[in-house]
Amino acid sequence: RHADSADRLDEFARADLGDPVAAFLAGRAALHARRYDHAIAWLRRAEASPDVPARMRGSARLLLGMASDLLGRRPAALAWYGRAEDTDRFRADDAIRLFRARPCSADDLPRSSAG
C-alpha cells in the first residue's frame, strides 16, 4: 500500500517540480515505502523551497533526519534533527529527543495494512 501511494505521489510531484507541498508529500510517502534515497531527494526539494510553510519545513527536516538514520548516516541525521528543532512554528520535541537518543529504525515507520 505504501509503495502504491509513493508511486502516485512521485508522479504527482514530477508534474510540478516547483510545488514544495507535492515534493513534501512525495518524500513522506517514499519514506513510508522505505525508499529512503527518494525520500531524501523529495524532502530536500521541499525543505529548500522559500514557499514551503514553516511547519512543513520542520516536518521535512525531521523526516530527512529519519531517512538519513535509516541509511546509516547518523551525523547527517543529527544535523537534520537540530535544524528541525530550530524551525519556527514547528514542535516535535518528543520525536526529536527520541531520535537524538537513538537512531530511527524501520520499526518507527508506519506499517502497511496490506497483507
C-alpha atoms as a PDB file:
ATOM      1  CA  ARG A   1       0.000   0.000   0.000  1.00  0.00           C
ATOM      2  CA  HIS A   2       2.763   2.478   0.876  1.00  0.00           C
ATOM      3  CA  ALA A   3       4.566   1.668  -2.372  1.00  0.00           C
ATOM      4  CA  ASP A   4       1.439   2.402  -4.430  1.00  0.00           C
ATOM      5  CA  SER A   5       0.933   5.720  -2.655  1.00  0.00           C
ATOM      6  CA  ALA A   6       4.587   6.592  -3.129  1.00  0.00           C
ATOM      7  CA  ASP A   7       4.335   5.858  -6.857  1.00  0.00           C
ATOM      8  CA  ARG A   8       1.250   8.050  -7.265  1.00  0.00           C
ATOM      9  CA  LEU A   9       2.691  10.937  -5.249  1.00  0.00           C
ATOM     10  CA  ASP A  10       6.024  10.691  -7.059  1.00  0.00           C
ATOM     11  CA  GLU A  11       4.184  11.067 -10.368  1.00  0.00           C
ATOM     12  CA  PHE A  12       2.137  13.967  -8.962  1.00  0.00           C
ATOM     13  CA  ALA A  13       5.244  15.801  -7.713  1.00  0.00           C
ATOM     14  CA  ARG A  14       7.092  15.280 -11.005  1.00  0.00           C
ATOM     15  CA  ALA A  15       4.215  17.017 -12.786  1.00  0.00           C
ATOM     16  CA  ASP A  16       5.046  20.247 -10.923  1.00  0.00           C
ATOM     17  CA  LEU A  17       8.632  20.272  -9.678  1.00  0.00           C
ATOM     18  CA  GLY A  18       8.150  23.769  -8.261  1.00  0.00           C
ATOM     19  CA  ASP A  19       5.433  22.722  -5.800  1.00  0.00           C
ATOM     20  CA  PRO A  20       7.037  22.217  -2.355  1.00  0.00           C
ATOM     21  CA  VAL A  21       3.882  20.654  -0.906  1.00  0.00           C
ATOM     22  CA  ALA A  22       3.840  17.990  -3.632  1.00  0.00           C
ATOM     23  CA  ALA A  23       7.556  17.388  -3.015  1.00  0.00           C
ATOM     24  CA  PHE A  24       6.917  17.034   0.727  1.00  0.00           C
ATOM     25  CA  LEU A  25       4.072  14.576   0.188  1.00  0.00           C
ATOM     26  CA  ALA A  26       6.140  12.536  -2.284  1.00  0.00           C
ATOM     27  CA  GLY A  27       9.057  12.486   0.161  1.00  0.00           C
ATOM     28  CA  ARG A  28       6.935  11.410   3.092  1.00  0.00           C
ATOM     29  CA  ALA A  29       5.323   8.656   1.016  1.00  0.00           C
ATOM     30  CA  ALA A  30       8.737   7.477  -0.206  1.00  0.00           C
ATOM     31  CA  LEU A  31       9.965   7.299   3.404  1.00  0.00           C
ATOM     32  CA  HIS A  32       6.971   5.197   4.439  1.00  0.00           C
ATOM     33  CA  ALA A  33       7.551   2.962   1.392  1.00  0.00           C
ATOM     34  CA  ARG A  34      11.153   2.552   2.624  1.00  0.00           C
ATOM     35  CA  ARG A  35      12.605   4.311  -0.431  1.00  0.00           C
ATOM     36  CA  TYR A  36      14.971   6.379   1.647  1.00  0.00           C
ATOM     37  CA  ASP A  37      17.110   7.895  -1.113  1.00  0.00           C
ATOM     38  CA  HIS A  38      13.970   9.014  -2.973  1.00  0.00           C
ATOM     39  CA  ALA A  39      12.574  10.402   0.265  1.00  0.00           C
ATOM     40  CA  ILE A  40      15.693  12.477   0.823  1.00  0.00           C
ATOM     41  CA  ALA A  41      15.612  13.870  -2.707  1.00  0.00           C
ATOM     42  CA  TRP A  42      11.979  14.991  -2.458  1.00  0.00           C
ATOM     43  CA  LEU A  43      12.219  16.232   1.129  1.00  0.00           C
ATOM     44  CA  ARG A  44      15.317  18.294   0.350  1.00  0.00           C
ATOM     45  CA  ARG A  45      13.429  19.930  -2.504  1.00  0.00           C
ATOM     46  CA  ALA A  46      10.533  20.776  -0.173  1.00  0.00           C
ATOM     47  CA  GLU A  47      12.785  21.928   2.673  1.00  0.00           C
ATOM     48  CA  ALA A  48      14.793  24.245   0.438  1.00  0.00           C
ATOM     49  CA  SER A  49      11.784  25.972  -1.114  1.00  0.00           C
ATOM     50  CA  PRO A  50      11.096  29.510   0.095  1.00  0.00           C
ATOM     51  CA  ASP A  51       7.390  28.789  -0.475  1.00  0.00           C
ATOM     52  CA  VAL A  52       7.030  25.844   1.907  1.00  0.00           C
ATOM     53  CA  PRO A  53       5.045  26.588   5.085  1.00  0.00           C
ATOM     54  CA  ALA A  54       7.213  26.740   8.240  1.00  0.00           C
ATOM     55  CA  ARG A  55       5.584  23.729   9.901  1.00  0.00           C
ATOM     56  CA  MET A  56       6.046  21.671   6.764  1.00  0.00           C
ATOM     57  CA  ARG A  57       9.694  22.762   6.592  1.00  0.00           C
ATOM     58  CA  GLY A  58      10.151  21.493  10.159  1.00  0.00           C
ATOM     59  CA  SER A  59       8.430  18.223   9.323  1.00  0.00           C
ATOM     60  CA  ALA A  60      10.610  17.822   6.227  1.00  0.00           C
ATOM     61  CA  ARG A  61      13.709  18.332   8.368  1.00  0.00           C
ATOM     62  CA  LEU A  62      12.557  15.738  10.886  1.00  0.00           C
ATOM     63  CA  LEU A  63      11.795  13.257   8.107  1.00  0.00           C
ATOM     64  CA  LEU A  64      15.167  14.000   6.496  1.00  0.00           C
ATOM     65  CA  GLY A  65      16.773  13.054   9.790  1.00  0.00           C
ATOM     66  CA  MET A  66      14.804   9.839   9.926  1.00  0.00           C
ATOM     67  CA  ALA A  67      15.683   8.903   6.326  1.00  0.00           C
ATOM     68  CA  SER A  68      19.338   9.695   6.988  1.00  0.00           C
ATOM     69  CA  ASP A  69      19.298   7.451  10.076  1.00  0.00           C
ATOM     70  CA  LEU A  70      17.673   4.664   8.082  1.00  0.00           C
ATOM     71  CA  LEU A  71      20.504   4.906   5.546  1.00  0.00           C
ATOM     72  CA  GLY A  72      23.093   4.729   8.330  1.00  0.00           C
ATOM     73  CA  ARG A  73      24.064   8.390   8.031  1.00  0.00           C
ATOM     74  CA  ARG A  74      23.910   9.275  11.717  1.00  0.00           C
ATOM     75  CA  PRO A  75      25.870  12.573  11.603  1.00  0.00           C
ATOM     76  CA  ALA A  76      23.562  13.885   8.862  1.00  0.00           C
ATOM     77  CA  ALA A  77      20.526  12.676  10.806  1.00  0.00           C
ATOM     78  CA  LEU A  78      21.620  14.533  13.941  1.00  0.00           C
ATOM     79  CA  ALA A  79      22.167  17.698  11.909  1.00  0.00           C
ATOM     80  CA  TRP A  80      18.644  17.444  10.434  1.00  0.00           C
ATOM     81  CA  TYR A  81      17.125  16.876  13.895  1.00  0.00           C
ATOM     82  CA  GLY A  82      18.899  20.030  15.086  1.00  0.00           C
ATOM     83  CA  ARG A  83      17.556  22.013  12.145  1.00  0.00           C
ATOM     84  CA  ALA A  84      14.041  20.671  12.790  1.00  0.00           C
ATOM     85  CA  GLU A  85      14.252  21.776  16.402  1.00  0.00           C
ATOM     86  CA  ASP A  86      15.304  25.275  15.324  1.00  0.00           C
ATOM     87  CA  THR A  87      12.441  25.691  12.840  1.00  0.00           C
ATOM     88  CA  ASP A  88       9.976  28.446  13.733  1.00  0.00           C
ATOM     89  CA  ARG A  89       6.419  27.314  14.481  1.00  0.00           C
ATOM     90  CA  PHE A  90       7.380  23.618  14.429  1.00  0.00           C
ATOM     91  CA  ARG A  91       7.298  21.469  17.525  1.00  0.00           C
ATOM     92  CA  ALA A  92       8.016  17.763  17.624  1.00  0.00           C
ATOM     93  CA  ASP A  93      10.132  17.729  20.750  1.00  0.00           C
ATOM     94  CA  ASP A  94       9.342  14.121  21.721  1.00  0.00           C
ATOM     95  CA  ALA A  95      10.307  12.728  18.312  1.00  0.00           C
ATOM     96  CA  ILE A  96      13.428  14.874  18.108  1.00  0.00           C
ATOM     97  CA  ARG A  97      14.504  13.843  21.617  1.00  0.00           C
ATOM     98  CA  LEU A  98      13.839  10.161  20.834  1.00  0.00           C
ATOM     99  CA  PHE A  99      15.805  10.126  17.595  1.00  0.00           C
ATOM    100  CA  ARG A 100      18.682  12.093  19.063  1.00  0.00           C
ATOM    101  CA  ALA A 101      18.955   9.473  21.808  1.00  0.00           C
ATOM    102  CA  ARG A 102      18.825   6.568  19.365  1.00  0.00           C
ATOM    103  CA  PRO A 103      18.721   6.238  15.594  1.00  0.00           C
ATOM    104  CA  CYS A 104      15.391   5.943  13.841  1.00  0.00           C
ATOM    105  CA  SER A 105      14.696   2.391  12.695  1.00  0.00           C
ATOM    106  CA  ALA A 106      12.276   0.868  10.202  1.00  0.00           C
ATOM    107  CA  ASP A 107      10.134  -0.169  13.183  1.00  0.00           C
ATOM    108  CA  ASP A 108       9.428   3.539  13.779  1.00  0.00           C
ATOM    109  CA  LEU A 109       7.695   3.885  10.391  1.00  0.00           C
ATOM    110  CA  PRO A 110       4.025   3.134   9.791  1.00  0.00           C
ATOM    111  CA  ARG A 111       3.338  -0.374   8.614  1.00  0.00           C
ATOM    112  CA  SER A 112       1.339  -1.080   5.505  1.00  0.00           C
ATOM    113  CA  SER A 113      -2.105  -2.524   6.196  1.00  0.00           C
ATOM    114  CA  ALA A 114      -1.884  -4.610   3.021  1.00  0.00           C
ATOM    115  CA  GLY A 115      -1.415  -8.246   3.802  1.00  0.00           C
END
